[in-house]
Protein backbone atom coordinates (compact mmCIF):
# COMPACT_ATOMS: atom_id res chain seq x y z
CA MET A 1 37.81 -15.95 -85.86
CA ASP A 2 38.88 -12.40 -85.62
CA TYR A 3 38.33 -11.01 -89.75
CA MET A 4 39.43 -7.22 -88.56
CA ALA A 5 43.22 -8.54 -86.73
CA LEU A 6 43.14 -11.25 -89.71
CA LYS A 7 42.71 -8.18 -92.27
CA ALA A 8 45.15 -5.74 -90.67
CA GLN A 9 47.63 -8.25 -91.01
CA ASN A 10 46.83 -8.95 -94.63
CA GLN A 11 47.07 -5.27 -95.28
CA ALA A 12 50.40 -4.68 -93.52
CA LEU A 13 51.97 -7.62 -95.69
CA ASN A 14 50.65 -6.34 -98.80
CA PHE A 15 51.90 -2.84 -98.58
CA LYS A 16 55.24 -4.50 -97.88
CA GLU A 17 54.82 -6.98 -100.71
CA ALA A 18 53.84 -4.30 -103.29
CA ARG A 19 56.66 -1.88 -102.12
CA LEU A 20 59.07 -3.89 -102.66
CA GLY A 21 57.73 -4.97 -106.15
CA GLN A 22 57.53 -8.97 -105.18
CA LEU A 23 56.06 -11.35 -107.78
CA ARG A 24 55.32 -13.93 -105.62
CA LEU A 25 52.35 -13.46 -102.84
CA GLN A 26 51.77 -14.39 -99.70
CA SER A 27 49.54 -11.61 -99.16
CA ARG A 28 46.30 -11.91 -100.53
CA PRO A 29 44.23 -8.44 -102.32
CA LEU A 30 42.71 -5.99 -100.09
CA ALA A 31 39.70 -5.29 -101.96
CA PHE A 32 37.75 -7.28 -104.60
CA TRP A 33 35.02 -7.21 -107.39
CA PHE A 34 32.34 -9.66 -107.25
CA ALA A 35 29.86 -10.20 -109.73
CA LEU A 36 27.03 -12.38 -108.76
CA CYS A 37 25.32 -12.74 -112.07
CA GLY A 38 25.19 -11.81 -115.86
CA PRO A 39 22.12 -10.52 -116.62
CA CYS A 40 20.60 -7.42 -116.08
CA ASN A 41 16.61 -5.70 -115.74
CA LEU A 42 17.18 -3.19 -118.01
CA LYS A 43 18.50 -2.90 -121.97
CA CYS A 44 19.70 0.40 -122.31
CA PRO A 45 20.16 1.18 -125.97
CA HIS A 46 23.79 2.71 -125.35
CA CYS A 47 24.89 -0.21 -123.06
CA ALA A 48 28.29 -1.96 -124.18
CA PHE A 49 26.31 -5.58 -123.80
CA GLN A 50 24.35 -4.42 -127.18
CA VAL A 51 27.85 -5.04 -129.03
CA PHE A 52 29.67 -7.06 -126.93
CA GLY A 53 26.72 -9.18 -125.06
CA ARG A 54 26.66 -10.06 -121.71
CA THR A 55 29.55 -12.11 -120.14
CA SER A 56 25.95 -14.76 -119.90
CA ASP A 57 23.34 -15.56 -118.53
CA GLN A 58 23.83 -17.28 -115.86
CA GLN A 59 24.00 -16.86 -111.64
CA VAL A 60 27.67 -17.49 -109.88
CA SER A 61 27.98 -20.98 -109.73
CA GLU A 62 28.37 -22.51 -106.21
CA SER A 63 31.91 -23.59 -106.79
CA VAL A 64 33.00 -20.30 -107.35
CA TYR A 65 31.17 -18.63 -104.46
CA ALA A 66 32.31 -20.87 -102.27
CA GLU A 67 36.26 -20.32 -103.37
CA VAL A 68 35.50 -16.20 -102.95
CA LEU A 69 34.28 -16.55 -99.52
CA SER A 70 37.09 -18.89 -98.31
CA GLU A 71 39.98 -17.32 -100.50
CA LEU A 72 39.31 -13.47 -100.55
CA MET A 73 36.25 -13.21 -97.68
CA PRO A 74 38.98 -13.31 -94.68
CA THR A 75 41.24 -11.31 -95.70
CA ALA A 76 39.81 -8.48 -98.31
CA SER A 77 38.20 -5.26 -96.31
CA LEU A 78 35.78 -4.46 -99.33
CA CYS A 79 34.24 -5.95 -101.97
CA HIS A 80 32.62 -3.88 -105.15
CA LEU A 81 29.76 -5.39 -106.38
CA GLY A 82 28.50 -4.28 -109.95
CA GLY A 83 30.36 -2.18 -112.74
CA SER A 84 32.72 -4.76 -113.56
CA ASN A 85 30.20 -6.51 -116.41
CA TYR A 86 26.81 -5.38 -117.69
CA GLY A 87 25.06 -7.17 -115.02
CA GLU A 88 22.95 -5.86 -112.39
CA MET A 89 23.57 -7.63 -109.22
CA THR A 90 20.59 -6.70 -107.23
CA ILE A 91 19.03 -8.76 -109.38
CA ALA A 92 20.86 -12.49 -108.64
CA GLN A 93 19.82 -15.24 -106.86
CA HIS A 94 22.13 -14.61 -104.29
CA PHE A 95 22.34 -10.93 -103.80
CA HIS A 96 20.95 -11.63 -100.19
CA ARG A 97 22.63 -14.22 -99.31
CA PHE A 98 25.96 -12.23 -99.80
CA LEU A 99 25.32 -9.60 -98.22
CA ARG A 100 24.82 -11.99 -94.51
CA ASP A 101 28.29 -13.27 -95.50
CA ALA A 102 29.63 -9.84 -96.03
CA LYS A 103 28.63 -8.94 -92.40
CA LYS A 104 29.93 -12.54 -90.97
CA PHE A 105 33.45 -11.73 -92.57
CA GLY A 106 33.63 -7.33 -91.78
CA VAL A 107 33.22 -7.14 -95.33
CA ARG A 108 32.12 -3.59 -96.50
CA ILE A 109 30.56 -3.23 -99.97
CA ASN A 110 30.99 -0.39 -103.03
CA LEU A 111 27.35 -0.90 -104.77
CA THR A 112 26.73 -0.35 -108.46
CA THR A 113 23.20 -0.42 -108.69
CA ASN A 114 20.61 1.01 -111.70
CA GLY A 115 18.35 1.78 -108.90
CA THR A 116 15.50 -0.61 -110.06
CA ARG A 117 15.15 -2.84 -106.93
CA LEU A 118 15.29 -2.45 -103.01
CA LEU A 119 13.24 -5.04 -101.35
CA ALA A 120 12.07 -5.12 -98.18
CA GLU A 121 13.55 -8.33 -97.30
CA TRP A 122 17.14 -7.39 -97.82
CA PHE A 123 16.99 -3.67 -97.61
CA ASP A 124 18.41 -3.78 -93.56
CA ASP A 125 21.26 -6.18 -94.47
CA LEU A 126 22.20 -3.96 -97.47
CA LEU A 127 22.42 -0.73 -95.15
CA ASP A 128 24.30 -2.63 -92.91
CA THR A 129 27.18 -3.58 -95.13
CA LEU A 130 27.20 -0.42 -97.47
CA ALA A 131 30.36 1.85 -97.55
CA VAL A 132 29.13 3.43 -100.74
CA ILE A 133 26.10 2.77 -102.61
CA GLY A 134 26.67 3.98 -106.25
CA PHE A 135 23.35 5.03 -108.60
CA SER A 136 23.91 5.16 -112.05
CA MET A 137 22.55 7.47 -114.72
CA GLU A 138 22.71 9.52 -117.51
CA GLY A 139 20.76 12.32 -116.63
CA ILE A 140 17.66 13.26 -115.37
CA TYR A 141 14.20 13.20 -115.76
CA GLU A 142 13.48 12.63 -119.23
CA GLU A 143 16.30 12.13 -120.77
CA PHE A 144 16.87 9.47 -117.68
CA GLU A 145 14.25 7.62 -119.54
CA LYS A 146 15.03 8.32 -122.19
CA LEU A 147 18.29 5.96 -121.96
CA ARG A 148 17.12 3.90 -119.28
CA GLY A 149 13.56 3.01 -119.96
CA PHE A 150 12.65 3.37 -116.40
CA ARG A 151 10.86 5.75 -114.78
CA TRP A 152 12.64 8.50 -113.30
CA THR A 153 10.17 9.08 -110.19
CA HIS A 154 10.45 5.73 -109.43
CA PHE A 155 14.39 5.76 -109.40
CA VAL A 156 14.37 8.82 -107.64
CA LYS A 157 11.95 7.22 -104.53
CA ASN A 158 14.67 4.55 -104.64
CA VAL A 159 17.24 7.23 -103.98
CA GLU A 160 15.28 8.47 -101.05
CA LYS A 161 14.97 5.55 -99.31
CA VAL A 162 18.63 4.72 -99.09
CA CYS A 163 19.10 8.34 -97.86
CA GLN A 164 16.25 8.13 -95.36
CA GLY A 165 17.60 4.41 -94.73
CA ARG A 166 20.79 5.81 -93.59
CA ALA A 167 19.77 8.32 -91.37
CA ASP A 168 17.47 6.25 -89.42
CA ARG A 169 19.99 3.85 -88.55
CA ARG A 170 22.61 6.29 -87.96
CA LYS A 171 24.68 4.49 -91.00
CA ASN A 172 27.61 6.55 -92.46
CA PHE A 173 28.07 5.08 -95.93
CA ARG A 174 28.50 7.53 -99.06
CA VAL A 175 25.64 7.61 -101.20
CA GLU A 176 26.46 8.83 -104.99
CA TRP A 177 25.05 9.47 -108.58
CA ARG A 178 27.69 8.12 -110.98
CA TYR A 179 26.74 10.30 -113.82
CA CYS A 180 28.20 9.30 -117.37
CA ALA A 181 27.90 12.42 -118.53
CA HIS A 182 27.32 13.15 -122.43
CA ALA A 183 25.48 15.99 -125.08
CA GLY A 184 22.18 14.97 -124.97
CA SER A 185 21.94 16.19 -120.91
CA ILE A 186 25.46 18.05 -119.79
CA HIS A 187 23.06 20.68 -119.65
CA GLN A 188 21.24 19.35 -116.56
CA LEU A 189 24.37 19.06 -114.21
CA PRO A 190 23.42 22.11 -112.53
CA ASP A 191 20.16 21.35 -111.44
CA MET A 192 21.33 17.68 -111.10
CA ILE A 193 23.74 18.90 -108.33
CA ARG A 194 20.70 20.87 -106.72
CA LEU A 195 18.21 18.24 -106.72
CA ALA A 196 21.00 15.08 -105.93
CA GLN A 197 21.81 17.69 -102.20
CA SER A 198 18.16 17.92 -101.50
CA ILE A 199 17.55 14.58 -101.49
CA GLY A 200 20.49 13.69 -98.98
CA VAL A 201 22.87 12.56 -102.00
CA ASP A 202 26.44 13.17 -101.08
CA ARG A 203 28.17 13.23 -103.96
CA ILE A 204 28.50 13.27 -107.78
CA GLN A 205 30.86 11.24 -109.79
CA VAL A 206 30.91 12.91 -113.39
CA MET A 207 32.31 9.72 -115.59
CA ASN A 208 32.91 9.53 -119.18
CA PHE A 209 30.14 8.09 -121.40
CA VAL A 210 31.70 5.91 -123.36
CA PRO A 211 29.79 5.42 -126.87
CA PHE A 212 30.35 1.86 -127.67
CA VAL A 213 26.94 1.89 -129.73
CA ALA A 214 27.63 3.39 -133.31
CA SER A 215 24.71 5.43 -133.12
CA GLN A 216 25.98 7.27 -129.36
CA LYS A 217 29.73 8.13 -130.72
CA TYR A 218 29.28 11.53 -131.41
CA ASN A 219 27.26 11.94 -128.10
CA ALA A 220 30.52 11.49 -126.49
CA LEU A 221 31.70 15.19 -125.17
CA PHE A 222 35.27 14.33 -126.81
CA TYR A 223 33.32 16.51 -129.77
CA HIS A 224 31.21 19.11 -127.62
CA ARG A 225 34.41 20.62 -125.83
CA SER A 226 32.64 24.54 -125.40
CA LEU A 227 29.17 22.91 -124.62
CA ALA A 228 31.00 20.81 -121.41
CA ASN A 229 33.25 23.46 -120.68
CA GLN A 230 30.28 25.78 -120.18
CA TYR A 231 28.41 23.52 -117.92
CA PHE A 232 31.76 22.64 -116.59
CA SER A 233 32.24 25.68 -115.21
CA GLU A 234 28.82 26.62 -113.71
CA SER A 235 28.71 22.92 -112.36
CA ARG A 236 31.66 23.87 -110.32
CA ARG A 237 30.33 27.43 -109.06
CA VAL A 238 26.81 25.53 -108.38
CA ALA A 239 28.56 22.79 -105.75
CA ALA A 240 30.88 25.60 -103.86
CA GLU A 241 27.97 27.63 -103.07
CA LEU A 242 25.91 24.46 -101.99
CA ASN A 243 29.36 23.10 -100.72
CA PHE A 244 28.33 19.69 -102.30
CA ASP A 245 30.76 17.33 -103.15
CA ILE A 246 31.63 16.76 -106.75
CA ASN A 247 33.88 15.56 -109.14
CA ILE A 248 33.88 17.65 -112.53
CA PRO A 249 36.94 16.56 -114.78
CA PRO A 250 38.99 19.70 -115.96
CA ASN A 251 37.78 21.74 -118.90
CA PHE A 252 38.66 20.45 -122.51
CA ASP A 253 41.46 22.11 -124.73
CA ALA A 254 39.00 23.45 -126.95
CA GLY A 255 42.07 24.95 -128.68
CA ASN A 256 41.97 28.53 -130.98
CA PHE A 257 42.02 30.27 -133.88
CA SER A 258 44.82 32.66 -133.76
CA HIS A 259 46.75 33.90 -136.82
CA SER A 260 49.66 31.93 -138.04
CA LYS A 261 52.18 32.06 -140.86
CA SER A 262 50.98 28.07 -141.17
CA PRO A 263 47.48 27.33 -143.05
CA LEU A 264 44.65 25.67 -140.87
CA LEU A 265 44.34 22.46 -141.41
CA GLN A 266 41.14 20.45 -141.29
CA ILE A 267 40.72 17.47 -138.97
CA ALA A 268 38.28 14.99 -141.17
CA THR A 269 35.46 13.68 -138.86
CA SER A 270 33.38 11.31 -141.18
CA ARG A 271 34.21 8.33 -142.24
CA THR A 272 32.00 7.73 -145.52
CA HIS A 273 34.41 7.75 -148.44
CA PRO A 274 36.50 4.72 -148.91
CA PRO A 275 40.06 4.50 -147.06
CA GLU A 276 41.75 4.67 -150.49
CA ALA A 277 40.18 8.03 -150.96
CA VAL A 278 41.41 10.17 -147.70
CA PRO A 279 41.73 13.84 -148.47
CA ALA A 280 45.19 15.22 -148.42
CA ASN A 281 43.90 17.59 -146.13
CA GLU A 282 43.62 15.21 -143.15
CA VAL A 283 44.96 15.13 -139.97
CA LEU A 284 46.03 11.48 -138.83
CA HIS A 285 46.44 11.06 -135.12
CA PRO A 286 49.04 8.65 -134.56
CA LEU A 287 49.15 6.80 -131.67
CA SER A 288 51.21 9.19 -129.36
CA THR A 289 53.02 12.41 -130.26
CA ASN A 290 54.93 12.92 -127.11
CA ASP A 291 58.17 11.51 -126.81
CA SER A 292 57.60 11.30 -122.78
CA LEU A 293 54.63 9.95 -121.62
CA ALA A 294 54.09 10.24 -117.91
CA LEU A 295 51.68 7.75 -115.68
CA VAL A 296 50.77 7.31 -111.87
CA HIS A 297 52.49 3.69 -110.48
CA CYS A 298 49.52 1.25 -111.04
CA TYR A 299 49.37 -1.46 -107.67
CA ARG A 300 46.33 -3.00 -108.25
CA PRO A 301 47.77 -6.30 -109.23
CA TRP A 302 49.32 -6.86 -105.90
CA GLN A 303 45.97 -5.22 -104.21
CA VAL A 304 42.80 -5.67 -105.67
CA CYS A 305 41.34 -8.70 -108.26
CA VAL A 306 37.98 -9.24 -110.03
CA VAL A 307 36.14 -12.49 -109.88
CA ASN A 308 32.57 -12.57 -112.66
CA GLU A 309 29.86 -14.96 -112.23
CA LEU A 310 31.61 -17.29 -114.64
CA GLY A 311 35.03 -18.06 -112.07
CA ASP A 312 37.27 -16.12 -114.44
CA VAL A 313 39.80 -13.85 -112.31
CA ARG A 314 41.31 -10.58 -113.84
CA PRO A 315 43.69 -8.13 -112.26
CA SER A 316 41.05 -4.96 -112.38
CA ASP A 317 38.00 -3.90 -113.25
CA VAL A 318 39.48 -2.37 -116.71
CA TYR A 319 41.86 -5.40 -117.23
CA TRP A 320 39.69 -7.72 -119.97
CA ARG A 321 42.27 -10.75 -119.83
CA SER A 322 41.51 -13.13 -117.67
CA MET A 323 44.47 -14.62 -115.25
CA GLY A 324 42.62 -17.72 -114.31
CA ASN A 325 39.25 -19.63 -113.53
CA LEU A 326 38.44 -20.68 -110.40
CA GLN A 327 36.06 -23.50 -112.15
CA THR A 328 39.33 -25.51 -112.70
CA ASN A 329 41.87 -23.59 -110.53
CA SER A 330 42.15 -22.49 -106.97
CA PHE A 331 42.56 -18.74 -106.51
CA THR A 332 46.34 -19.35 -104.48
CA SER A 333 47.41 -20.86 -108.00
CA ILE A 334 46.11 -18.23 -109.88
CA TRP A 335 47.24 -15.51 -107.68
CA ASN A 336 50.87 -16.00 -107.81
CA ASN A 337 50.45 -18.30 -111.47
CA GLY A 338 52.99 -16.99 -114.41
CA LYS A 339 50.09 -14.19 -116.06
CA TYR A 340 50.66 -12.27 -112.61
CA ARG A 341 54.33 -12.38 -112.05
CA ARG A 342 54.70 -11.13 -115.51
CA LEU A 343 51.89 -8.35 -115.15
CA ARG A 344 53.16 -7.37 -111.78
CA ALA A 345 56.52 -7.07 -113.22
CA SER A 346 55.87 -5.03 -116.19
CA VAL A 347 52.69 -3.11 -114.99
CA ASN A 348 55.13 0.08 -113.45
CA THR A 349 57.90 -0.44 -115.79
CA GLN A 350 56.81 -1.30 -119.82
CA PRO A 351 52.97 -1.93 -119.26
CA ASP A 352 51.05 -3.48 -122.02
CA SER A 353 48.20 -1.34 -123.95
CA ILE A 354 45.87 -2.32 -121.10
CA CYS A 355 47.12 -0.75 -118.64
CA ARG A 356 48.85 2.15 -120.64
CA SER A 357 44.90 3.15 -121.74
CA CYS A 358 43.96 2.51 -118.80
CA ARG A 359 46.24 5.23 -117.28
CA LEU A 360 45.72 7.95 -120.13
CA PRO A 361 43.26 10.86 -119.70
CA GLN A 362 39.98 9.77 -120.14
CA PHE A 363 37.95 12.48 -121.29
CA ASP A 364 40.49 15.67 -123.06
CA SER A 365 42.54 12.91 -125.10
CA GLU A 366 43.25 11.67 -129.13
CA GLU A 367 43.92 8.22 -126.96
CA ASN A 368 41.09 7.84 -124.78
CA ARG A 369 38.36 5.23 -124.76
CA ALA A 370 35.79 7.66 -126.37
CA ALA A 371 38.18 8.31 -129.06
CA MET A 372 39.19 4.90 -129.64
CA GLN A 373 35.90 4.25 -131.13
CA LEU A 374 35.98 5.79 -134.03
CA VAL A 375 37.26 3.18 -136.84
CA PRO A 376 40.40 4.24 -138.38
CA THR A 377 40.93 4.44 -142.10
CA VAL A 378 44.41 1.92 -143.26
CA LYS A 379 45.99 4.86 -144.15
CA GLN A 380 45.36 5.81 -140.18
CA LEU A 381 46.36 2.37 -138.99
CA LEU A 382 49.55 2.07 -141.24
CA THR A 383 50.87 5.27 -140.68
CA GLY A 384 50.22 5.02 -136.83
CA SER A 385 51.69 1.53 -136.30
CA ALA A 386 54.94 3.07 -138.45
CA LYS A 387 55.29 6.40 -135.47
CA SER A 388 54.71 3.59 -132.85
CA LEU A 389 57.59 1.67 -133.82
CA LEU A 390 59.76 4.61 -134.66
CA THR A 391 58.95 7.10 -131.95
CA ARG A 392 58.02 5.44 -128.94
CA PRO A 393 57.81 7.14 -126.09
CA LYS A 394 60.02 6.99 -122.83
CA VAL A 395 57.31 6.15 -120.12
CA THR A 396 57.92 7.45 -116.53
CA PHE A 397 55.86 7.44 -113.52
CA VAL A 398 54.77 10.25 -111.18
CA GLY A 399 52.22 9.24 -108.30
CA VAL A 400 50.02 6.35 -107.33
CA MET A 401 46.41 5.43 -109.29
CA ASP A 402 44.44 4.31 -106.05
CA GLN A 403 45.82 7.04 -103.49
CA GLU A 404 43.61 5.08 -100.92
CA LEU A 405 45.67 2.06 -100.96
CA ASP A 406 49.29 3.64 -101.79
CA PRO A 407 51.79 0.91 -100.21
CA THR A 408 54.22 3.59 -99.88
CA GLU A 409 52.17 5.18 -97.29
CA LEU A 410 52.32 3.68 -94.05
CA ARG A 411 49.38 4.91 -92.77
CA ASP A 412 46.29 2.68 -92.00
CA LYS A 413 43.59 3.20 -94.84
CA LEU A 414 41.09 0.67 -94.52
């Protein structure tokens, strides 16, 4: 079968259906996330599994694996392995098998990995299928080892092996470091750029460190704005000098203390007092202070999906509600069921709370995921709920979330 022709036909149909806002689709996802297993070989102290647990301790079942191969692989062009649960895909029982199947169906892989395992038995097949390999990290040297519990020298050796293998085999996939920036290691970012370039890494993606674990809460850059801005600016300069590709968020709004007729208000950050004893001068954060909220268009409910090792199907990697399960239903029936149709009808008109928070700023916002880890007081909850009912913002949509899959553009992108 000519899978490349089939993928091109599916993409053209998918773009058309997404542009028209059709709720019931004939096309299939252009890309998908697939979690081959639930376990991980590391127990990082900051990982959300410490709070929520892993999705399971299981490997993907044969029935779920077969459904993915028959219903998604023929028409999809890209598979994201890792990043959709708290597992490490390179330790999965079927990891090598999936690499070979990806080659068979012409599916390229975006792998998220902790960089602990590169086995000779599947290394060449990995190089043949990669579109991107992203190594997760929270710092370099001692900061890496502190949070990962894994030797930095071994990690770097594996990164160098991938870069060298790419050069030896003349492949063109991207190697990147996915750095979760936090206060303990943000000072390392300029040196991280220099080191990454020296060993052949193509790009650094600066990501938001979300403090799921209570002890890590104030490690988020949201609470260290001036420090973050200092190293963001220095890192942009270093990257420009080296002509290195790095995605750094805009500087934080650090505020100012200019004189004003209004008295300064103190924002309390402590939650040691009981709810009924909230200080009178505490500033309460409403759910939204704007009467208008601008969000990007999202076409993920038309274009991508997530399948985990238990068979649960979700519409994106951040949307936690399951749309159905492949253990009991076919992908075809899930893809066009009532849940999916309702989501497609609302995602770009009146998005639910999950969709809305996904599209809000992830670094410099009182409604971002880091800030939402704070436990609100009873008074905050009541005040926020009342304000949300009285001042519900008007939502407008500008731009597209995933520009590489913009269905309003007719050019070939995959």
